[in-house]
Amino acid sequence: MRLDSTAAFGSDSEGISFLLQTVFHSTQTKDSMVKLTVRDRESIQEAVRRFRKLVERSGIKKEMRRREFFEKPSETKRRARLRAERRMKRNRLLGV
């Protein structure tokens, strides 16, 4: 079964497929969209577990957390500067 906009509410699995498809569209970003094809004889719990792993690996959750609140440009620059300082300190300690 493939999740797409033509999913109907015919049966329970079809309704859940429609809900999963709706979640896919709400989690899409400009360059990437998580797509999941539900396999034959695959339980909904397994499909949801695979979906969560795909979302985690794609970085969508991280991006959503980052965009949850507005961050001033000065805060962004400060975070980048601190990250660079930590990286330089770690490299000095390791002798790289």
Protein backbone atom coordinates (compact mmCIF):
# COMPACT_ATOMS: atom_id res chain seq x y z
CA MET A 1 0.00 0.00 0.00
CA ARG A 2 1.40 3.40 -0.97
CA LEU A 3 0.52 6.53 0.97
CA ASP A 4 -0.53 9.37 -1.27
CA SER A 5 -3.26 11.98 -1.58
CA THR A 6 -5.69 9.41 -2.97
CA ALA A 7 -5.88 7.52 0.33
CA ALA A 8 -9.49 6.96 1.35
CA PHE A 9 -11.27 6.25 4.59
CA GLY A 10 -12.59 2.86 3.39
CA SER A 11 -11.16 0.70 6.18
CA ASP A 12 -9.22 1.22 9.40
CA SER A 13 -5.86 0.73 7.75
CA GLU A 14 -6.87 3.13 4.97
CA GLY A 15 -7.88 5.77 7.54
CA ILE A 16 -4.61 5.37 9.40
CA SER A 17 -2.77 5.57 6.09
CA PHE A 18 -4.50 8.87 5.41
CA LEU A 19 -3.45 10.15 8.84
CA LEU A 20 0.16 9.11 8.19
CA GLN A 21 0.02 10.81 4.80
CA THR A 22 -1.23 13.99 6.48
CA VAL A 23 1.68 13.84 8.93
CA PHE A 24 4.10 13.45 6.01
CA HIS A 25 2.87 16.65 4.42
CA SER A 26 3.02 18.57 7.69
CA THR A 27 6.63 17.50 8.28
CA GLN A 28 7.97 18.31 4.83
CA THR A 29 10.66 20.92 4.42
CA LYS A 30 11.76 22.85 1.36
CA ASP A 31 14.29 20.29 0.12
CA SER A 32 13.24 17.01 1.65
CA MET A 33 10.08 15.14 2.40
CA VAL A 34 9.86 11.88 4.30
CA LYS A 35 8.10 9.22 2.28
CA LEU A 36 7.06 5.85 3.62
CA THR A 37 5.45 3.01 1.72
CA VAL A 38 3.57 0.65 4.01
CA ARG A 39 4.64 -2.89 3.20
CA ASP A 40 2.27 -5.80 2.75
CA ARG A 41 1.39 -7.50 6.03
CA GLU A 42 3.15 -4.74 8.00
CA SER A 43 1.37 -3.64 11.14
CA ILE A 44 0.59 0.01 11.64
CA GLN A 45 2.83 0.06 14.73
CA GLU A 46 5.79 -1.08 12.64
CA ALA A 47 5.04 1.54 9.98
CA VAL A 48 4.83 4.28 12.60
CA ARG A 49 8.12 3.12 14.14
CA ARG A 50 9.81 3.23 10.73
CA PHE A 51 8.28 6.67 10.10
CA ARG A 52 9.66 8.02 13.38
CA LYS A 53 13.13 6.72 12.53
CA LEU A 54 12.97 8.32 9.08
CA VAL A 55 11.90 11.66 10.55
CA GLU A 56 14.69 11.50 13.14
CA ARG A 57 17.35 10.66 10.54
CA SER A 58 16.19 13.36 8.14
CA GLY A 59 16.68 16.06 10.78
CA ILE A 60 13.11 17.34 10.62
CA LYS A 61 12.61 17.11 14.40
CA LYS A 62 15.85 18.98 15.03
CA GLU A 63 14.83 21.67 12.56
CA MET A 64 11.38 22.00 14.15
CA ARG A 65 12.93 22.41 17.61
CA ARG A 66 15.34 25.01 16.26
CA ARG A 67 12.52 27.00 14.65
CA GLU A 68 10.10 26.70 17.56
CA PHE A 69 11.08 30.12 18.92
CA PHE A 70 12.56 33.11 17.16
CA GLU A 71 16.29 33.45 17.64
CA LYS A 72 17.87 36.86 17.20
CA PRO A 73 20.72 37.03 14.68
CA SER A 74 23.10 38.03 17.49
CA GLU A 75 22.17 34.83 19.38
CA THR A 76 22.77 32.74 16.26
CA LYS A 77 26.21 34.31 15.77
CA ARG A 78 27.04 33.83 19.46
CA ARG A 79 26.09 30.15 19.31
CA ALA A 80 28.20 29.66 16.18
CA ARG A 81 31.17 31.45 17.79
CA LEU A 82 30.94 29.32 20.95
CA ARG A 83 30.67 26.15 18.85
CA ALA A 84 33.79 27.15 16.90
CA GLU A 85 35.67 27.90 20.14
CA ARG A 86 34.78 24.49 21.57
CA ARG A 87 35.84 22.81 18.33
CA MET A 88 39.19 24.65 18.35
CA LYS A 89 39.78 23.79 22.02
CA ARG A 90 38.96 20.12 21.39
CA ASN A 91 41.31 20.03 18.39
CA ARG A 92 44.12 21.61 20.43
CA LEU A 93 43.68 19.02 23.19
CA LEU A 94 43.69 16.17 20.70
CA GLY A 95 46.68 17.58 18.83
CA VAL A 96 44.94 17.67 15.46
